[in-house]
Amino acid sequence: MDFSLDSKQGELVLKAREVAREIRSIAYTPNLSTVQYVQEFSAVLARSNFLCPTIPKEYGGLGLDRFSTALLIEEIATGFPSAAAIVDATIHAAEPILLAGSRQQKEEYLPLLTGENAGLASFALTEAAGGSDLSLIVTAAEESGDGFLLNGSKDWVINAAEAKFLTVIAAIGKTKKRSSLRVFIVPQSTPGFKLGTARKTIGLDYAYIGEAIFDQAYIDKKNVIKSTEAGSGYLLLTQTFDLGRAMVGATSVGIARAAYENALEYAEKRVQFGTAIKNHQAVAFTLADMAIKIEMARLITWKACWLMDQGGDYSAVSAMAKTAASTIAQEVTSSAADILGAKGCEKGSLIEQLVRDARILTTIEGTNNMQKLVIASQL
């Protein structure tokens, strides 16, 4: 085992910290809408080609492996979690194309997410009735000429307002069997696609999250990934989630680290009963527990990413990383709020924002109960 970073990874971390600091300064600009914040964050990230760093160099990306990507996302999340969320979502949307897209699909869509003018992408699965239960998916595609007519709606779609394209999971025909699922690439300009309600969430509220509605949206067959293979959509869905969970783990580590660093700095400066509160055992032990938990979350996330890069069996470990790290993010941010006392309860404070951000992470990329189901199935 070797936990050291090579020179390129060290440089990546330093660059990501610099970008994260710039994003944090933008995050507190007054009177910007959510979409404007997303545009500002995206512009900063794009300058370093950070919006979808897993895309291979031949399509304009950085070609980062999963471990290096986790390092990048942790730093961005430590700076400002909503910015990490828009990167996570873009990586997630590109994943089906990277995994199984045709050469034409890769050449047409992957470059849209790279370079200084890079845009975002969205992954659209969840519906009002159907979240984890795929049999409740209503969005369907009927064959029409050389393509499909897509009808239905998706909800809680990150980046929906600014996405260059969406990768949409829908059933072909009216059957609800797994074999009917396909992945459709839907450009933002597609007639019949429109935005629905913008959701107001308790956390990650600087990222745009909302509905995507499809009303007779025509999708050419060239934009359906593995269109003729039964079950291809379901297989791609599971593979995409297996890879994406570890990125949520990295985001969770970043949130926990930001809360810990803020609490530690406060504890070193805040004086009560003649000494800094860090010197009081109750606070010192709380900080020690926080540090232990963060290290645990980071290591299991690193292991999942290492297995991905080595071609190992990472499905269960990725689910463990997502579950453990998102739970730890909630615990650490709550402990940080306790250390800050009244300041930790102040609306608009960093800790208040981080507590809300952490709460979201146990739900996205599949609830933690669903992760435990994945893990249990492989015991």
Protein backbone atom coordinates (compact mmCIF):
# COMPACT_ATOMS: atom_id res chain seq x y z
CA MET A 1 0.00 0.00 0.00
CA ASP A 2 1.14 3.51 -0.79
CA PHE A 3 -0.90 6.51 0.37
CA SER A 4 1.47 9.14 -1.03
CA LEU A 5 0.44 11.36 -3.93
CA ASP A 6 2.62 11.64 -7.01
CA SER A 7 3.82 15.03 -8.23
CA LYS A 8 0.93 15.48 -10.69
CA GLN A 9 -1.64 14.70 -8.00
CA GLY A 10 0.07 17.12 -5.62
CA GLU A 11 -0.09 19.86 -8.25
CA LEU A 12 -3.75 19.00 -8.92
CA VAL A 13 -4.62 19.40 -5.23
CA LEU A 14 -2.89 22.79 -5.02
CA LYS A 15 -4.62 24.01 -8.19
CA ALA A 16 -7.99 22.75 -6.95
CA ARG A 17 -7.54 24.62 -3.65
CA GLU A 18 -6.82 27.80 -5.56
CA VAL A 19 -9.95 27.34 -7.68
CA ALA A 20 -12.01 26.49 -4.57
CA ARG A 21 -10.94 29.73 -2.89
CA GLU A 22 -12.05 31.72 -5.92
CA ILE A 23 -15.42 29.94 -5.95
CA ARG A 24 -15.93 30.60 -2.25
CA SER A 25 -15.39 34.33 -2.82
CA ILE A 26 -18.05 34.29 -5.56
CA ALA A 27 -20.48 32.33 -3.39
CA TYR A 28 -21.10 35.27 -1.12
CA THR A 29 -21.78 37.78 -3.88
CA PRO A 30 -25.18 39.30 -3.06
CA ASN A 31 -28.25 39.44 -5.30
CA LEU A 32 -27.34 36.64 -7.71
CA SER A 33 -29.92 34.03 -8.71
CA THR A 34 -29.18 30.32 -8.43
CA VAL A 35 -28.65 30.10 -12.19
CA GLN A 36 -26.22 33.03 -12.06
CA TYR A 37 -24.26 31.36 -9.27
CA VAL A 38 -24.05 28.18 -11.34
CA GLN A 39 -22.83 30.17 -14.35
CA GLU A 40 -20.16 31.88 -12.24
CA PHE A 41 -18.98 28.63 -10.65
CA SER A 42 -18.92 26.92 -14.05
CA ALA A 43 -16.81 29.66 -15.61
CA VAL A 44 -14.19 29.37 -12.86
CA LEU A 45 -14.10 25.57 -13.04
CA ALA A 46 -13.97 25.57 -16.85
CA ARG A 47 -10.84 27.72 -16.90
CA SER A 48 -9.01 24.79 -15.31
CA ASN A 49 -10.98 22.16 -17.28
CA PHE A 50 -12.45 20.88 -14.01
CA LEU A 51 -16.12 20.51 -15.01
CA CYS A 52 -15.78 16.92 -16.21
CA PRO A 53 -12.18 15.86 -15.48
CA THR A 54 -12.75 12.15 -16.23
CA ILE A 55 -13.19 12.77 -19.98
CA PRO A 56 -10.17 11.43 -21.91
CA LYS A 57 -7.66 13.86 -23.38
CA GLU A 58 -8.61 12.85 -26.93
CA TYR A 59 -11.98 14.57 -26.36
CA GLY A 60 -10.45 17.61 -24.66
CA GLY A 61 -10.64 16.46 -21.04
CA LEU A 62 -7.99 15.96 -18.38
CA GLY A 63 -8.32 12.18 -18.47
CA LEU A 64 -8.07 11.88 -14.69
CA ASP A 65 -8.33 8.50 -13.04
CA ARG A 66 -10.91 8.02 -10.29
CA PHE A 67 -8.49 8.50 -7.43
CA SER A 68 -7.26 11.84 -8.80
CA THR A 69 -10.86 12.88 -9.48
CA ALA A 70 -11.74 12.18 -5.84
CA LEU A 71 -8.83 14.39 -4.74
CA LEU A 72 -10.13 17.19 -6.96
CA ILE A 73 -13.72 16.90 -5.78
CA GLU A 74 -12.74 16.87 -2.10
CA GLU A 75 -10.90 20.16 -2.55
CA ILE A 76 -13.75 21.80 -4.46
CA ALA A 77 -16.25 20.60 -1.84
CA THR A 78 -14.07 21.92 0.97
CA GLY A 79 -14.17 25.30 -0.76
CA PHE A 80 -17.89 25.29 -1.59
CA PRO A 81 -20.03 22.11 -1.76
CA SER A 82 -22.55 23.31 -4.36
CA ALA A 83 -19.71 23.72 -6.85
CA ALA A 84 -18.66 20.13 -6.23
CA ALA A 85 -22.28 19.04 -6.76
CA ILE A 86 -22.41 20.52 -10.27
CA VAL A 87 -19.16 18.72 -11.12
CA ASP A 88 -20.46 15.44 -9.67
CA ALA A 89 -23.65 15.77 -11.71
CA THR A 90 -21.77 16.51 -14.93
CA ILE A 91 -19.45 13.53 -14.45
CA HIS A 92 -22.51 11.38 -13.72
CA ALA A 93 -24.27 12.52 -16.90
CA ALA A 94 -21.21 11.83 -19.05
CA GLU A 95 -20.65 8.37 -17.55
CA PRO A 96 -23.06 6.38 -19.78
CA ILE A 97 -21.44 7.91 -22.86
CA LEU A 98 -17.95 7.11 -21.58
CA LEU A 99 -18.97 3.57 -20.67
CA ALA A 100 -20.96 2.55 -23.72
CA GLY A 101 -21.42 5.45 -26.11
CA SER A 102 -20.57 5.11 -29.78
CA ARG A 103 -17.58 6.90 -31.24
CA GLN A 104 -19.97 9.39 -32.83
CA GLN A 105 -21.71 10.08 -29.51
CA LYS A 106 -18.39 10.61 -27.74
CA GLU A 107 -17.08 12.96 -30.42
CA GLU A 108 -20.29 14.98 -30.48
CA TYR A 109 -21.08 15.35 -26.79
CA LEU A 110 -17.98 14.90 -24.64
CA PRO A 111 -16.14 17.98 -26.01
CA LEU A 112 -19.11 20.11 -24.89
CA LEU A 113 -17.99 19.48 -21.30
CA THR A 114 -14.30 20.29 -21.74
CA GLY A 115 -12.05 23.29 -22.21
CA GLU A 116 -12.42 26.92 -21.18
CA ASN A 117 -15.88 27.16 -22.72
CA ALA A 118 -17.14 23.92 -21.20
CA GLY A 119 -20.75 23.53 -20.22
CA LEU A 120 -22.61 21.31 -17.76
CA ALA A 121 -24.65 18.15 -18.20
CA SER A 122 -27.49 16.52 -16.25
CA PHE A 123 -28.42 12.97 -15.36
CA ALA A 124 -32.20 12.49 -15.26
CA LEU A 125 -33.60 9.41 -13.54
CA THR A 126 -35.77 10.29 -10.54
CA GLU A 127 -39.49 10.90 -11.02
CA ALA A 128 -42.29 12.05 -8.74
CA ALA A 129 -43.42 8.47 -8.06
CA GLY A 130 -40.32 6.51 -8.96
CA GLY A 131 -37.02 7.02 -7.21
CA SER A 132 -35.29 3.80 -6.26
CA ASP A 133 -38.17 1.70 -7.61
CA LEU A 134 -37.48 1.58 -11.35
CA SER A 135 -40.77 -0.19 -12.03
CA LEU A 136 -42.54 3.10 -11.28
CA ILE A 137 -40.77 5.03 -14.04
CA VAL A 138 -43.43 6.69 -16.19
CA THR A 139 -41.24 8.49 -18.73
CA ALA A 140 -41.41 6.44 -21.92
CA ALA A 141 -40.28 6.53 -25.53
CA GLU A 142 -42.31 5.33 -28.49
CA GLU A 143 -40.65 4.58 -31.82
CA SER A 144 -41.35 7.19 -34.48
CA GLY A 145 -39.61 7.10 -37.85
CA ASP A 146 -35.85 7.01 -37.30
CA GLY A 147 -36.14 7.90 -33.65
CA PHE A 148 -38.31 8.04 -30.56
CA LEU A 149 -40.87 10.41 -29.08
CA LEU A 150 -40.04 10.94 -25.42
CA ASN A 151 -42.83 11.81 -22.97
CA GLY A 152 -42.79 12.26 -19.22
CA SER A 153 -40.92 14.22 -16.60
CA LYS A 154 -37.92 13.88 -14.31
CA ASP A 155 -37.45 15.61 -10.99
CA TRP A 156 -34.57 16.71 -8.73
CA VAL A 157 -32.32 17.06 -11.78
CA ILE A 158 -29.07 18.87 -10.93
CA ASN A 159 -27.83 21.35 -13.59
CA ALA A 160 -31.08 21.07 -15.59
CA ALA A 161 -31.22 24.79 -16.40
CA GLU A 162 -27.67 25.03 -17.76
CA ALA A 163 -27.05 21.55 -19.15
CA LYS A 164 -25.72 21.23 -22.69
CA PHE A 165 -27.47 17.88 -22.70
CA LEU A 166 -29.24 15.46 -20.38
CA THR A 167 -28.80 11.71 -20.20
CA VAL A 168 -32.31 10.45 -19.54
CA ILE A 169 -33.42 7.00 -18.37
CA ALA A 170 -36.73 5.99 -19.96
CA ALA A 171 -38.61 2.86 -20.95
CA ILE A 172 -39.25 1.89 -24.55
CA GLY A 173 -42.96 1.25 -24.93
CA LYS A 174 -45.33 0.69 -22.03
CA THR A 175 -43.60 -2.27 -20.40
CA LYS A 176 -41.92 -1.65 -17.06
CA LYS A 177 -39.39 -4.46 -17.27
CA ARG A 178 -35.70 -3.70 -16.77
CA SER A 179 -35.05 -4.88 -20.32
CA SER A 180 -37.09 -1.96 -21.67
CA LEU A 181 -34.89 0.75 -20.14
CA ARG A 182 -32.62 2.81 -22.37
CA VAL A 183 -30.39 5.85 -21.95
CA PHE A 184 -31.29 8.80 -24.20
CA ILE A 185 -29.00 11.77 -24.88
CA VAL A 186 -31.24 14.84 -24.98
CA PRO A 187 -29.65 18.16 -26.07
CA GLN A 188 -30.95 21.26 -24.27
CA SER A 189 -32.23 22.61 -27.60
CA THR A 190 -34.46 19.58 -28.29
CA PRO A 191 -38.03 20.67 -29.24
CA GLY A 192 -40.43 19.30 -26.65
CA PHE A 193 -37.97 19.63 -23.78
CA LYS A 194 -38.59 22.31 -21.19
CA LEU A 195 -37.78 23.11 -17.59
CA GLY A 196 -40.40 22.60 -14.91
CA THR A 197 -40.39 23.72 -11.29
CA ALA A 198 -37.08 24.78 -9.76
CA ARG A 199 -36.76 22.98 -6.42
CA LYS A 200 -35.76 24.81 -3.25
CA THR A 201 -33.64 22.45 -1.20
CA ILE A 202 -32.31 22.74 2.34
CA GLY A 203 -28.76 22.18 1.13
CA LEU A 204 -26.64 22.47 -2.02
CA ASP A 205 -28.95 25.38 -2.71
CA TYR A 206 -26.41 27.23 -4.84
CA ALA A 207 -26.75 24.46 -7.45
CA TYR A 208 -29.78 24.45 -9.76
CA ILE A 209 -32.09 21.50 -9.04
CA GLY A 210 -35.43 21.12 -10.77
CA GLU A 211 -37.82 19.35 -13.10
CA ALA A 212 -37.14 18.33 -16.70
CA ILE A 213 -40.28 17.85 -18.82
CA PHE A 214 -40.51 15.98 -22.14
CA ASP A 215 -43.54 16.51 -24.32
CA GLN A 216 -43.28 14.66 -27.64
CA ALA A 217 -39.53 15.34 -27.59
CA TYR A 218 -38.08 13.71 -30.71
CA ILE A 219 -34.83 11.81 -30.08
CA ASP A 220 -32.94 10.47 -33.08
CA LYS A 221 -31.78 6.87 -32.74
CA LYS A 222 -28.18 8.06 -32.95
CA ASN A 223 -28.75 9.64 -29.54
CA VAL A 224 -29.81 6.41 -27.84
CA ILE A 225 -26.93 4.58 -26.19
CA LYS A 226 -26.87 0.92 -27.26
CA SER A 227 -30.43 1.30 -28.54
CA THR A 228 -30.82 -2.28 -29.78
CA GLU A 229 -29.56 -4.08 -26.68
CA ALA A 230 -32.23 -5.26 -24.24
CA GLY A 231 -31.41 -4.26 -20.70
CA SER A 232 -28.65 -1.87 -21.78
CA GLY A 233 -30.25 1.03 -19.92
CA TYR A 234 -30.47 -0.87 -16.65
CA LEU A 235 -26.89 -2.12 -16.94
CA LEU A 236 -25.61 1.38 -17.68
CA LEU A 237 -27.63 2.74 -14.79
CA THR A 238 -26.06 0.33 -12.28
CA GLN A 239 -22.55 0.91 -13.65
CA THR A 240 -23.02 4.68 -13.54
CA PHE A 241 -24.19 4.63 -9.93
CA ASP A 242 -21.40 2.27 -8.88
CA LEU A 243 -18.87 4.79 -10.18
CA GLY A 244 -20.71 7.90 -8.99
CA ARG A 245 -21.17 6.89 -5.36
CA ALA A 246 -17.50 7.31 -4.56
CA MET A 247 -17.64 10.89 -5.88
CA VAL A 248 -20.41 11.62 -3.38
CA GLY A 249 -18.06 10.13 -0.80
CA ALA A 250 -15.36 12.60 -1.84
CA THR A 251 -17.84 15.49 -1.67
CA SER A 252 -18.86 14.36 1.81
CA VAL A 253 -15.23 14.29 2.96
CA GLY A 254 -14.79 17.83 1.66
CA ILE A 255 -17.83 19.08 3.56
CA ALA A 256 -16.72 17.38 6.77
CA ARG A 257 -13.21 18.75 6.38
CA ALA A 258 -14.45 22.30 5.86
CA ALA A 259 -16.55 22.05 9.04
CA TYR A 260 -13.68 20.54 11.02
CA GLU A 261 -11.18 23.19 9.90
CA ASN A 262 -13.62 25.98 10.76
CA ALA A 263 -14.34 24.49 14.20
CA LEU A 264 -10.65 23.94 14.92
CA GLU A 265 -9.77 27.53 14.02
CA TYR A 266 -12.59 28.82 16.23
CA ALA A 267 -11.57 26.55 19.13
CA GLU A 268 -8.01 27.87 18.99
CA LYS A 269 -9.15 31.50 19.20
CA ARG A 270 -12.21 31.34 21.46
CA VAL A 271 -11.23 31.88 25.10
CA GLN A 272 -13.42 30.69 27.98
CA PHE A 273 -12.41 30.25 31.64
CA GLY A 274 -8.95 31.66 30.96
CA THR A 275 -7.90 29.43 28.06
CA ALA A 276 -8.73 28.58 24.47
CA ILE A 277 -11.67 26.18 24.38
CA LYS A 278 -9.51 23.72 22.44
CA ASN A 279 -7.73 23.09 25.72
CA HIS A 280 -10.93 21.95 27.41
CA GLN A 281 -11.14 18.18 27.23
CA ALA A 282 -14.75 18.10 26.02
CA VAL A 283 -13.92 20.22 22.98
CA ALA A 284 -10.54 18.55 22.38
CA PHE A 285 -12.09 15.09 22.37
CA THR A 286 -14.86 16.24 20.02
CA LEU A 287 -12.25 17.58 17.60
CA ALA A 288 -10.33 14.31 17.87
CA ASP A 289 -13.47 12.32 17.04
CA MET A 290 -14.12 14.58 14.06
CA ALA A 291 -10.57 14.07 12.76
CA ILE A 292 -10.85 10.29 13.15
CA LYS A 293 -14.14 10.16 11.26
CA ILE A 294 -12.86 12.28 8.39
CA GLU A 295 -9.80 10.06 8.02
CA MET A 296 -12.04 6.97 7.96
CA ALA A 297 -14.34 8.48 5.33
CA ARG A 298 -11.42 9.56 3.16
CA LEU A 299 -9.70 6.17 3.30
CA ILE A 300 -12.76 4.16 2.29
CA THR A 301 -13.43 6.63 -0.52
CA TRP A 302 -9.84 6.28 -1.68
CA LYS A 303 -10.13 2.49 -1.56
CA ALA A 304 -13.24 2.53 -3.75
CA CYS A 305 -11.50 4.78 -6.29
CA TRP A 306 -8.32 2.68 -6.19
CA LEU A 307 -10.36 -0.44 -6.97
CA MET A 308 -11.96 1.37 -9.91
CA ASP A 309 -8.56 2.34 -11.28
CA GLN A 310 -7.20 -1.18 -10.77
CA GLY A 311 -10.15 -2.83 -12.49
CA GLY A 312 -11.27 -4.49 -9.26
CA ASP A 313 -14.73 -5.24 -7.89
CA TYR A 314 -15.74 -1.88 -6.47
CA SER A 315 -19.55 -2.03 -6.35
CA ALA A 316 -19.97 -2.78 -2.63
CA VAL A 317 -17.02 -0.63 -1.51
CA SER A 318 -18.30 2.35 -3.49
CA ALA A 319 -21.68 1.99 -1.76
CA MET A 320 -19.87 1.75 1.58
CA ALA A 321 -17.90 4.91 0.80
CA LYS A 322 -21.03 6.86 -0.06
CA THR A 323 -22.91 5.63 3.01
CA ALA A 324 -20.08 6.06 5.49
CA ALA A 325 -18.83 9.40 4.22
CA SER A 326 -22.26 11.04 3.91
CA THR A 327 -23.18 9.88 7.41
CA ILE A 328 -19.88 11.17 8.77
CA ALA A 329 -20.43 14.52 7.03
CA GLN A 330 -23.67 14.93 8.99
CA GLU A 331 -22.00 13.95 12.25
CA VAL A 332 -18.97 16.19 11.80
CA THR A 333 -20.93 19.27 10.72
CA SER A 334 -23.25 18.80 13.71
CA SER A 335 -20.26 18.56 16.05
CA ALA A 336 -18.75 21.68 14.49
CA ALA A 337 -21.99 23.56 15.16
CA ASP A 338 -21.82 22.44 18.80
CA ILE A 339 -18.27 23.77 19.16
CA LEU A 340 -19.20 27.14 17.66
CA GLY A 341 -22.20 27.41 19.96
CA ALA A 342 -24.43 30.36 19.08
CA LYS A 343 -22.28 31.19 16.05
CA GLY A 344 -22.95 27.70 14.73
CA CYS A 345 -26.67 28.46 14.74
CA GLU A 346 -26.38 31.78 12.92
CA LYS A 347 -28.25 31.89 9.63
CA GLY A 348 -25.85 32.51 6.78
CA SER A 349 -22.77 31.26 8.62
CA LEU A 350 -20.42 28.74 7.03
CA ILE A 351 -21.31 26.01 9.52
CA GLU A 352 -25.03 26.54 9.02
CA GLN A 353 -24.54 26.12 5.26
CA LEU A 354 -22.40 23.01 5.71
CA VAL A 355 -24.92 21.37 8.06
CA ARG A 356 -27.60 21.81 5.40
CA ASP A 357 -25.33 20.63 2.58
CA ALA A 358 -24.37 17.48 4.48
CA ARG A 359 -28.00 16.56 5.01
CA ILE A 360 -28.59 16.27 1.25
CA LEU A 361 -25.81 13.77 0.65
CA THR A 362 -27.49 10.80 2.31
CA THR A 363 -30.22 11.06 -0.35
CA ILE A 364 -28.54 11.82 -3.69
CA GLU A 365 -27.03 9.00 -5.80
CA GLY A 366 -29.42 6.62 -4.07
CA THR A 367 -30.47 6.83 -0.42
CA ASN A 368 -28.20 5.28 2.16
CA ASN A 369 -30.77 2.57 2.82
CA MET A 370 -30.51 1.60 -0.85
CA GLN A 371 -26.71 1.51 -0.50
CA LYS A 372 -27.07 -0.91 2.39
CA LEU A 373 -29.24 -3.09 0.18
CA VAL A 374 -26.46 -3.13 -2.44
CA ILE A 375 -23.88 -3.97 0.21
CA ALA A 376 -26.01 -6.67 1.84
CA SER A 377 -26.60 -8.36 -1.52
CA GLN A 378 -22.86 -8.90 -1.86
CA LEU A 379 -22.05 -10.13 1.64
